[in-house]
Amino acid sequence: MITLHHLNQSRSKRIIWLLEELSLDYRIHAYQRDAVTNLAPPELKEIHPLGKSPVIEDNGQVITESGAITEYLIERHGLHLMPAKESASYAEYLQWLHFAESSAMLPALLTLFVSKEPVNTEFLASYAGAELTKVMSYFDDVLSDKTYLIDEQLSGADIMMSFIPEVLAMLQQLETYPNIKRYYQTLLTHPAFQKANELEKAHQTA
């Protein structure tokens, strides 16, 4: 059985969705953020020194990083969630799979962190805002004629990218990007994603 080490209100919800989508046998070991610092608890360091989530344990192997976990699980259990490696779509699939944690996530998190600062910043706020607008406008444009990112069907790339509109919603900027909003609403129609949202709430303490 796969064990998912899941931190509440984190990117590891995508892995719950993926595990549900693949109908795999798994259990959730849930961790709660510190109420004051909002950081992960030290107990997560018992499974991995960085103390970050998501982490999965599978057959005695510890695997970290959302993109790596997604690739690992799909290549072993869900080839229907990726294009064939010899296809023209495969490189595009990989790009979006990793875009989520690279180009998209950095400006999103910077903007979120800046919003929590008690004092105004000069360089960082303007840089983060400009980068966020650039990256999300690009993503929004790409989605203008797409329902899903790859070959008009759900893939691991969509599961990875699902956290981006959620961050935009946290920043109260989702309405700025109508195609991203529409895309997110489509993702929410998937029963496995709905189940992931329910499970995350069920494993979250007040």
C-alpha atoms as a PDB file:
ATOM      1  CA  MET A   1       0.000   0.000   0.000  1.00  0.00           C
ATOM      2  CA  ILE A   2       1.178   3.510  -0.829  1.00  0.00           C
ATOM      3  CA  THR A   3       1.419   6.001   2.029  1.00  0.00           C
ATOM      4  CA  LEU A   4       0.971   9.680   1.217  1.00  0.00           C
ATOM      5  CA  HIS A   5       2.423  12.094   3.763  1.00  0.00           C
ATOM      6  CA  HIS A   6       0.014  14.974   3.288  1.00  0.00           C
ATOM      7  CA  LEU A   7       0.239  18.486   4.712  1.00  0.00           C
ATOM      8  CA  ASN A   8      -3.053  20.309   5.004  1.00  0.00           C
ATOM      9  CA  GLN A   9      -3.603  23.208   2.588  1.00  0.00           C
ATOM     10  CA  SER A  10      -0.689  22.243   0.410  1.00  0.00           C
ATOM     11  CA  ARG A  11       0.242  21.078  -3.049  1.00  0.00           C
ATOM     12  CA  SER A  12       0.012  17.464  -1.946  1.00  0.00           C
ATOM     13  CA  LYS A  13      -3.747  17.552  -2.575  1.00  0.00           C
ATOM     14  CA  ARG A  14      -2.819  17.002  -6.219  1.00  0.00           C
ATOM     15  CA  ILE A  15      -1.337  13.650  -5.245  1.00  0.00           C
ATOM     16  CA  ILE A  16      -4.563  12.674  -3.487  1.00  0.00           C
ATOM     17  CA  TRP A  17      -6.371  13.478  -6.737  1.00  0.00           C
ATOM     18  CA  LEU A  18      -3.895  11.415  -8.733  1.00  0.00           C
ATOM     19  CA  LEU A  19      -4.136   8.431  -6.379  1.00  0.00           C
ATOM     20  CA  GLU A  20      -7.925   8.601  -6.590  1.00  0.00           C
ATOM     21  CA  GLU A  21      -7.825   8.985 -10.372  1.00  0.00           C
ATOM     22  CA  LEU A  22      -5.656   5.870 -10.595  1.00  0.00           C
ATOM     23  CA  SER A  23      -7.845   3.924  -8.124  1.00  0.00           C
ATOM     24  CA  LEU A  24      -4.752   2.911  -6.169  1.00  0.00           C
ATOM     25  CA  ASP A  25      -4.707   1.414  -2.700  1.00  0.00           C
ATOM     26  CA  TYR A  26      -3.268   4.089  -0.411  1.00  0.00           C
ATOM     27  CA  ARG A  27      -3.518   5.707   2.976  1.00  0.00           C
ATOM     28  CA  ILE A  28      -3.086   9.313   4.034  1.00  0.00           C
ATOM     29  CA  HIS A  29      -0.790  10.259   6.898  1.00  0.00           C
ATOM     30  CA  ALA A  30      -1.945  13.808   7.554  1.00  0.00           C
ATOM     31  CA  TYR A  31       0.058  16.631   9.129  1.00  0.00           C
ATOM     32  CA  GLN A  32      -1.227  20.000  10.286  1.00  0.00           C
ATOM     33  CA  ARG A  33       0.422  23.379   9.799  1.00  0.00           C
ATOM     34  CA  ASP A  34       1.506  25.346  12.854  1.00  0.00           C
ATOM     35  CA  ALA A  35      -1.300  27.741  13.737  1.00  0.00           C
ATOM     36  CA  VAL A  36       1.149  30.630  14.297  1.00  0.00           C
ATOM     37  CA  THR A  37       3.880  30.145  11.701  1.00  0.00           C
ATOM     38  CA  ASN A  38       1.777  28.282   9.101  1.00  0.00           C
ATOM     39  CA  LEU A  39       4.791  25.990   8.615  1.00  0.00           C
ATOM     40  CA  ALA A  40       4.843  22.202   8.453  1.00  0.00           C
ATOM     41  CA  PRO A  41       5.333  20.420  11.786  1.00  0.00           C
ATOM     42  CA  PRO A  42       8.744  18.919  12.656  1.00  0.00           C
ATOM     43  CA  GLU A  43       7.239  15.417  12.456  1.00  0.00           C
ATOM     44  CA  LEU A  44       7.471  15.578   8.664  1.00  0.00           C
ATOM     45  CA  LYS A  45      11.253  15.532   8.994  1.00  0.00           C
ATOM     46  CA  GLU A  46      10.984  12.000  10.291  1.00  0.00           C
ATOM     47  CA  ILE A  47      10.036  10.834   6.788  1.00  0.00           C
ATOM     48  CA  HIS A  48      12.295  13.262   4.869  1.00  0.00           C
ATOM     49  CA  PRO A  49      14.980  15.658   6.175  1.00  0.00           C
ATOM     50  CA  LEU A  50      13.476  18.695   4.422  1.00  0.00           C
ATOM     51  CA  GLY A  51      10.175  18.225   6.219  1.00  0.00           C
ATOM     52  CA  LYS A  52       8.147  19.070   3.137  1.00  0.00           C
ATOM     53  CA  SER A  53       5.062  17.550   1.556  1.00  0.00           C
ATOM     54  CA  PRO A  54       4.052  15.671  -0.542  1.00  0.00           C
ATOM     55  CA  VAL A  55       6.066  12.571   0.161  1.00  0.00           C
ATOM     56  CA  ILE A  56       5.022   9.041  -0.728  1.00  0.00           C
ATOM     57  CA  GLU A  57       6.281   5.703   0.498  1.00  0.00           C
ATOM     58  CA  ASP A  58       5.929   2.862  -1.973  1.00  0.00           C
ATOM     59  CA  ASN A  59       7.475  -0.572  -1.470  1.00  0.00           C
ATOM     60  CA  GLY A  60       9.952   0.846   1.039  1.00  0.00           C
ATOM     61  CA  GLN A  61      11.006   3.688  -1.258  1.00  0.00           C
ATOM     62  CA  VAL A  62      10.576   7.328  -0.209  1.00  0.00           C
ATOM     63  CA  ILE A  63       9.784   9.688  -3.090  1.00  0.00           C
ATOM     64  CA  THR A  64       9.538  13.472  -2.847  1.00  0.00           C
ATOM     65  CA  GLU A  65       8.672  16.360  -5.210  1.00  0.00           C
ATOM     66  CA  SER A  66       5.210  16.631  -6.753  1.00  0.00           C
ATOM     67  CA  GLY A  67       6.412  16.339 -10.340  1.00  0.00           C
ATOM     68  CA  ALA A  68       8.564  13.296  -9.620  1.00  0.00           C
ATOM     69  CA  ILE A  69       5.751  11.594  -7.698  1.00  0.00           C
ATOM     70  CA  THR A  70       3.317  12.302 -10.526  1.00  0.00           C
ATOM     71  CA  GLU A  71       5.660  10.903 -13.172  1.00  0.00           C
ATOM     72  CA  TYR A  72       6.454   7.869 -11.012  1.00  0.00           C
ATOM     73  CA  LEU A  73       2.823   6.959 -10.359  1.00  0.00           C
ATOM     74  CA  ILE A  74       1.568   7.596 -13.880  1.00  0.00           C
ATOM     75  CA  GLU A  75       4.338   5.650 -15.583  1.00  0.00           C
ATOM     76  CA  ARG A  76       3.650   2.672 -13.322  1.00  0.00           C
ATOM     77  CA  HIS A  77      -0.097   2.764 -12.934  1.00  0.00           C
ATOM     78  CA  GLY A  78      -1.738   5.233 -15.310  1.00  0.00           C
ATOM     79  CA  LEU A  79      -0.376   5.470 -18.826  1.00  0.00           C
ATOM     80  CA  HIS A  80      -3.795   6.755 -19.910  1.00  0.00           C
ATOM     81  CA  LEU A  81      -2.893  10.000 -18.091  1.00  0.00           C
ATOM     82  CA  MET A  82       0.073  10.738 -20.355  1.00  0.00           C
ATOM     83  CA  PRO A  83       0.698  10.732 -24.110  1.00  0.00           C
ATOM     84  CA  ALA A  84       2.857   8.002 -25.578  1.00  0.00           C
ATOM     85  CA  LYS A  85       6.550   8.801 -25.239  1.00  0.00           C
ATOM     86  CA  GLU A  86       7.041   8.544 -29.004  1.00  0.00           C
ATOM     87  CA  SER A  87       4.202  10.992 -29.704  1.00  0.00           C
ATOM     88  CA  ALA A  88       4.560  14.647 -30.642  1.00  0.00           C
ATOM     89  CA  SER A  89       2.618  15.588 -27.492  1.00  0.00           C
ATOM     90  CA  TYR A  90       5.012  14.001 -25.025  1.00  0.00           C
ATOM     91  CA  ALA A  91       7.480  16.905 -24.846  1.00  0.00           C
ATOM     92  CA  GLU A  92       4.603  19.361 -24.365  1.00  0.00           C
ATOM     93  CA  TYR A  93       3.222  17.142 -21.602  1.00  0.00           C
ATOM     94  CA  LEU A  94       6.565  17.165 -19.780  1.00  0.00           C
ATOM     95  CA  GLN A  95       6.851  20.938 -20.120  1.00  0.00           C
ATOM     96  CA  TRP A  96       3.464  21.549 -18.481  1.00  0.00           C
ATOM     97  CA  LEU A  97       4.053  18.856 -15.885  1.00  0.00           C
ATOM     98  CA  HIS A  98       7.104  20.767 -14.648  1.00  0.00           C
ATOM     99  CA  PHE A  99       5.859  24.280 -15.472  1.00  0.00           C
ATOM    100  CA  ALA A 100       3.604  23.969 -12.431  1.00  0.00           C
ATOM    101  CA  GLU A 101       6.490  23.896  -9.952  1.00  0.00           C
ATOM    102  CA  SER A 102       8.909  26.108 -11.867  1.00  0.00           C
ATOM    103  CA  SER A 103       7.741  29.024 -14.002  1.00  0.00           C
ATOM    104  CA  ALA A 104       4.246  29.186 -12.519  1.00  0.00           C
ATOM    105  CA  MET A 105       4.880  28.559  -8.848  1.00  0.00           C
ATOM    106  CA  LEU A 106       7.728  30.993  -8.164  1.00  0.00           C
ATOM    107  CA  PRO A 107       5.877  34.258  -8.958  1.00  0.00           C
ATOM    108  CA  ALA A 108       2.694  32.898  -7.385  1.00  0.00           C
ATOM    109  CA  LEU A 109       4.412  32.117  -4.094  1.00  0.00           C
ATOM    110  CA  LEU A 110       6.425  35.344  -4.124  1.00  0.00           C
ATOM    111  CA  THR A 111       3.218  37.321  -4.539  1.00  0.00           C
ATOM    112  CA  LEU A 112       1.567  35.336  -1.747  1.00  0.00           C
ATOM    113  CA  PHE A 113       4.526  35.911   0.588  1.00  0.00           C
ATOM    114  CA  VAL A 114       4.664  39.629  -0.216  1.00  0.00           C
ATOM    115  CA  SER A 115       0.958  39.911   0.644  1.00  0.00           C
ATOM    116  CA  LYS A 116       1.737  38.620   4.148  1.00  0.00           C
ATOM    117  CA  GLU A 117       4.541  41.108   4.822  1.00  0.00           C
ATOM    118  CA  PRO A 118       3.650  43.749   7.415  1.00  0.00           C
ATOM    119  CA  VAL A 119       5.688  46.406   5.565  1.00  0.00           C
ATOM    120  CA  ASN A 120       5.791  47.530   1.949  1.00  0.00           C
ATOM    121  CA  THR A 121       8.582  46.242  -0.242  1.00  0.00           C
ATOM    122  CA  GLU A 122       9.933  48.012  -3.289  1.00  0.00           C
ATOM    123  CA  PHE A 123      11.769  45.614  -5.604  1.00  0.00           C
ATOM    124  CA  LEU A 124      10.202  42.322  -4.534  1.00  0.00           C
ATOM    125  CA  ALA A 125       6.561  43.407  -4.745  1.00  0.00           C
ATOM    126  CA  SER A 126       6.931  44.931  -8.198  1.00  0.00           C
ATOM    127  CA  TYR A 127       9.011  42.017  -9.484  1.00  0.00           C
ATOM    128  CA  ALA A 128       6.614  39.384  -8.155  1.00  0.00           C
ATOM    129  CA  GLY A 129       3.577  41.224  -9.500  1.00  0.00           C
ATOM    130  CA  ALA A 130       5.060  41.703 -12.955  1.00  0.00           C
ATOM    131  CA  GLU A 131       6.219  38.082 -13.177  1.00  0.00           C
ATOM    132  CA  LEU A 132       2.864  36.779 -12.003  1.00  0.00           C
ATOM    133  CA  THR A 133       1.043  38.829 -14.626  1.00  0.00           C
ATOM    134  CA  LYS A 134       3.422  37.685 -17.366  1.00  0.00           C
ATOM    135  CA  VAL A 135       3.261  33.990 -16.508  1.00  0.00           C
ATOM    136  CA  MET A 136      -0.477  33.827 -15.843  1.00  0.00           C
ATOM    137  CA  SER A 137      -1.319  35.830 -18.953  1.00  0.00           C
ATOM    138  CA  TYR A 138       0.700  33.325 -20.960  1.00  0.00           C
ATOM    139  CA  PHE A 139      -1.101  30.411 -19.304  1.00  0.00           C
ATOM    140  CA  ASP A 140      -4.450  32.094 -19.872  1.00  0.00           C
ATOM    141  CA  ASP A 141      -3.653  32.634 -23.571  1.00  0.00           C
ATOM    142  CA  VAL A 142      -2.618  28.999 -24.011  1.00  0.00           C
ATOM    143  CA  LEU A 143      -5.972  27.895 -22.599  1.00  0.00           C
ATOM    144  CA  SER A 144      -7.990  30.120 -24.943  1.00  0.00           C
ATOM    145  CA  ASP A 145      -8.712  27.220 -27.312  1.00  0.00           C
ATOM    146  CA  LYS A 146      -8.148  24.293 -24.947  1.00  0.00           C
ATOM    147  CA  THR A 147     -10.253  22.313 -22.509  1.00  0.00           C
ATOM    148  CA  TYR A 148      -7.236  20.370 -21.238  1.00  0.00           C
ATOM    149  CA  LEU A 149      -3.556  21.046 -21.748  1.00  0.00           C
ATOM    150  CA  ILE A 150      -2.667  17.941 -23.761  1.00  0.00           C
ATOM    151  CA  ASP A 151      -4.656  16.353 -26.587  1.00  0.00           C
ATOM    152  CA  GLU A 152      -7.968  17.577 -25.170  1.00  0.00           C
ATOM    153  CA  GLN A 153      -8.055  14.993 -22.414  1.00  0.00           C
ATOM    154  CA  LEU A 154      -7.118  14.921 -18.750  1.00  0.00           C
ATOM    155  CA  SER A 155      -3.444  14.202 -18.091  1.00  0.00           C
ATOM    156  CA  GLY A 156      -0.928  14.398 -15.294  1.00  0.00           C
ATOM    157  CA  ALA A 157      -0.074  17.886 -16.536  1.00  0.00           C
ATOM    158  CA  ASP A 158      -3.585  19.075 -15.635  1.00  0.00           C
ATOM    159  CA  ILE A 159      -3.377  17.482 -12.208  1.00  0.00           C
ATOM    160  CA  MET A 160      -0.076  19.252 -11.572  1.00  0.00           C
ATOM    161  CA  MET A 161      -1.374  22.596 -12.886  1.00  0.00           C
ATOM    162  CA  SER A 162      -4.571  22.408 -10.816  1.00  0.00           C
ATOM    163  CA  PHE A 163      -2.891  24.135  -7.876  1.00  0.00           C
ATOM    164  CA  ILE A 164      -2.162  27.269  -9.897  1.00  0.00           C
ATOM    165  CA  PRO A 165      -5.773  28.518 -10.150  1.00  0.00           C
ATOM    166  CA  GLU A 166      -6.167  27.731  -6.460  1.00  0.00           C
ATOM    167  CA  VAL A 167      -3.259  30.041  -5.644  1.00  0.00           C
ATOM    168  CA  LEU A 168      -4.757  32.702  -7.923  1.00  0.00           C
ATOM    169  CA  ALA A 169      -7.995  32.362  -5.972  1.00  0.00           C
ATOM    170  CA  MET A 170      -6.053  32.846  -2.701  1.00  0.00           C
ATOM    171  CA  LEU A 171      -4.611  36.022  -4.217  1.00  0.00           C
ATOM    172  CA  GLN A 172      -8.090  37.104  -5.372  1.00  0.00           C
ATOM    173  CA  GLN A 173      -6.834  37.196  -8.966  1.00  0.00           C
ATOM    174  CA  LEU A 174      -8.601  34.229 -10.537  1.00  0.00           C
ATOM    175  CA  GLU A 175     -11.275  36.486 -12.048  1.00  0.00           C
ATOM    176  CA  THR A 176      -8.511  38.320 -13.944  1.00  0.00           C
ATOM    177  CA  TYR A 177      -7.864  35.226 -16.055  1.00  0.00           C
ATOM    178  CA  PRO A 178     -11.152  33.934 -17.544  1.00  0.00           C
ATOM    179  CA  ASN A 179      -9.621  31.000 -19.392  1.00  0.00           C
ATOM    180  CA  ILE A 180      -7.812  29.781 -16.286  1.00  0.00           C
ATOM    181  CA  LYS A 181     -11.038  30.110 -14.320  1.00  0.00           C
ATOM    182  CA  ARG A 182     -12.960  28.120 -16.960  1.00  0.00           C
ATOM    183  CA  TYR A 183     -10.214  25.499 -17.009  1.00  0.00           C
ATOM    184  CA  TYR A 184     -10.332  25.159 -13.228  1.00  0.00           C
ATOM    185  CA  GLN A 185     -14.110  24.784 -13.281  1.00  0.00           C
ATOM    186  CA  THR A 186     -13.667  21.942 -15.778  1.00  0.00           C
ATOM    187  CA  LEU A 187     -11.137  20.222 -13.523  1.00  0.00           C
ATOM    188  CA  LEU A 188     -13.581  20.482 -10.642  1.00  0.00           C
ATOM    189  CA  THR A 189     -16.095  18.356 -12.565  1.00  0.00           C
ATOM    190  CA  HIS A 190     -13.870  15.294 -12.174  1.00  0.00           C
ATOM    191  CA  PRO A 191     -15.156  13.048  -9.368  1.00  0.00           C
ATOM    192  CA  ALA A 192     -11.624  12.133  -8.255  1.00  0.00           C
ATOM    193  CA  PHE A 193     -10.772  15.830  -7.819  1.00  0.00           C
ATOM    194  CA  GLN A 194     -13.969  16.345  -5.850  1.00  0.00           C
ATOM    195  CA  LYS A 195     -13.002  13.376  -3.676  1.00  0.00           C
ATOM    196  CA  ALA A 196      -9.538  14.865  -3.123  1.00  0.00           C
ATOM    197  CA  ASN A 197     -11.121  18.102  -1.910  1.00  0.00           C
ATOM    198  CA  GLU A 198     -13.359  16.139   0.459  1.00  0.00           C
ATOM    199  CA  LEU A 199     -10.469  14.076   1.797  1.00  0.00           C
ATOM    200  CA  GLU A 200      -8.319  17.126   2.364  1.00  0.00           C
ATOM    201  CA  LYS A 201     -11.082  18.734   4.412  1.00  0.00           C
ATOM    202  CA  ALA A 202     -11.630  15.510   6.326  1.00  0.00           C
ATOM    203  CA  HIS A 203      -7.957  15.347   7.309  1.00  0.00           C
ATOM    204  CA  GLN A 204      -7.745  18.985   8.359  1.00  0.00           C
ATOM    205  CA  THR A 205      -8.160  19.927  11.999  1.00  0.00           C
ATOM    206  CA  ALA A 206      -9.543  23.265  13.132  1.00  0.00           C
END
